[in-house]
Amino acid sequence: MSTAHTTVDQVLAALGDVDFPADKDELMRAASEAGASGEVRVALRGIPPEEYANREEVARSVRVDPDSDLDLSPAQRAEQARLGGKHRQSEHLREVPKPPVEDELDR
């Protein structure tokens, strides 16, 4: 399964008028009606054929470039890889604090 070259925000924007719960077919239809890009439709085609209770469930299921919409440093991405996450949670969705050095530089 390949990843789409889009962002989670773009996928969710295409689903702005969806009434949840909604299944994959409803999400695909809503994205098409909203004029979503081909990449957004590719991302939605890649989600499991389940019923989604809300936008967060869609966001967790869609496969996009792992760091497409995250502003993480290489150190933070490495920390994500080291840390365990919730069961079946993608590595790029794991929360990770800023390293102390980066935190100090931001002040």
Protein backbone atom coordinates (compact mmCIF):
# COMPACT_ATOMS: atom_id res chain seq x y z
CA MET A 1 0.00 0.00 0.00
CA SER A 2 1.46 3.33 -1.01
CA THR A 3 1.14 6.69 0.66
CA ALA A 4 -0.55 9.67 -0.94
CA HIS A 5 1.39 12.88 -1.48
CA THR A 6 -1.05 15.08 0.40
CA THR A 7 -1.60 16.13 4.00
CA VAL A 8 -4.10 15.05 6.61
CA ASP A 9 -5.42 18.64 6.70
CA GLN A 10 -6.14 18.52 2.95
CA VAL A 11 -7.96 15.22 3.31
CA LEU A 12 -10.04 16.50 6.21
CA ALA A 13 -10.81 19.75 4.36
CA ALA A 14 -12.33 17.70 1.54
CA LEU A 15 -14.61 16.06 4.10
CA GLY A 16 -15.95 19.30 5.53
CA ASP A 17 -19.63 18.53 4.80
CA VAL A 18 -19.64 14.88 5.88
CA ASP A 19 -22.12 13.81 8.53
CA PHE A 20 -20.52 11.21 10.77
CA PRO A 21 -20.68 8.30 11.24
CA ALA A 22 -19.79 7.67 7.61
CA ASP A 23 -18.37 4.74 5.69
CA LYS A 24 -15.58 4.78 3.14
CA ASP A 25 -17.98 5.12 0.19
CA GLU A 26 -19.63 8.17 1.75
CA LEU A 27 -16.23 9.73 2.40
CA MET A 28 -15.15 9.11 -1.21
CA ARG A 29 -18.40 10.58 -2.53
CA ALA A 30 -18.08 13.68 -0.33
CA ALA A 31 -14.48 14.24 -1.44
CA SER A 32 -15.45 13.97 -5.11
CA GLU A 33 -18.37 16.38 -4.64
CA ALA A 34 -16.04 18.83 -2.87
CA GLY A 35 -13.67 18.77 -5.84
CA ALA A 36 -10.85 17.10 -3.92
CA SER A 37 -7.52 16.63 -5.66
CA GLY A 38 -6.50 13.28 -7.08
CA GLU A 39 -4.03 12.81 -4.25
CA VAL A 40 -6.75 13.30 -1.63
CA ARG A 41 -8.91 10.71 -3.41
CA VAL A 42 -5.92 8.32 -3.51
CA ALA A 43 -5.46 8.78 0.25
CA LEU A 44 -9.14 8.03 0.89
CA ARG A 45 -9.10 4.99 -1.39
CA GLY A 46 -6.35 3.58 0.83
CA ILE A 47 -8.35 3.61 4.07
CA PRO A 48 -9.99 0.42 5.35
CA PRO A 49 -13.63 -0.09 4.33
CA GLU A 50 -15.07 0.64 7.75
CA GLU A 51 -17.50 3.08 9.31
CA TYR A 52 -15.77 6.14 10.76
CA ALA A 53 -17.26 7.84 13.81
CA ASN A 54 -15.48 11.18 13.34
CA ARG A 55 -12.75 13.10 11.53
CA GLU A 56 -10.07 11.93 13.98
CA GLU A 57 -10.67 8.30 13.01
CA VAL A 58 -10.28 9.23 9.34
CA ALA A 59 -7.09 11.14 10.15
CA ARG A 60 -5.62 8.09 11.90
CA SER A 61 -6.52 5.78 9.00
CA VAL A 62 -5.39 7.81 6.01
CA ARG A 63 -1.88 7.10 4.71
CA VAL A 64 0.01 10.25 3.78
CA ASP A 65 3.67 11.20 3.79
CA PRO A 66 4.62 10.70 7.46
CA ASP A 67 5.97 14.19 8.02
CA SER A 68 3.85 16.02 5.44
CA ASP A 69 1.99 18.16 7.93
CA LEU A 70 4.11 17.87 11.04
CA ASP A 71 6.76 20.40 11.94
CA LEU A 72 9.12 18.06 13.76
CA SER A 73 12.88 18.19 13.90
CA PRO A 74 15.03 15.15 13.08
CA ALA A 75 15.62 14.72 16.83
CA GLN A 76 11.88 14.58 17.49
CA ARG A 77 11.32 12.06 14.66
CA ALA A 78 14.11 9.90 16.12
CA GLU A 79 12.45 10.07 19.54
CA GLN A 80 9.16 8.98 17.98
CA ALA A 81 10.91 5.94 16.56
CA ARG A 82 12.45 5.06 19.94
CA LEU A 83 9.26 5.51 21.92
CA GLY A 84 6.52 3.00 21.75
CA GLY A 85 3.10 4.24 20.81
CA LYS A 86 -0.40 3.10 21.31
CA HIS A 87 -1.22 -0.25 19.78
CA ARG A 88 -1.58 0.10 15.98
CA GLN A 89 -0.63 3.78 16.02
CA SER A 90 1.57 5.04 13.24
CA GLU A 91 4.98 6.20 14.35
CA HIS A 92 4.49 9.70 12.95
CA LEU A 93 1.37 10.17 15.12
CA ARG A 94 3.15 9.52 18.41
CA GLU A 95 3.45 12.57 20.59
CA VAL A 96 6.97 13.61 21.42
CA PRO A 97 8.27 16.63 23.35
CA LYS A 98 10.88 18.99 21.96
CA PRO A 99 14.44 18.14 22.98
CA PRO A 100 15.75 20.50 25.70
CA VAL A 101 18.27 22.09 23.32
CA GLU A 102 15.58 22.99 20.76
CA ASP A 103 13.31 24.24 23.52
CA GLU A 104 16.10 26.50 24.78
CA LEU A 105 16.82 27.82 21.25
CA ASP A 106 13.15 28.73 20.76
CA ARG A 107 13.18 31.07 23.76
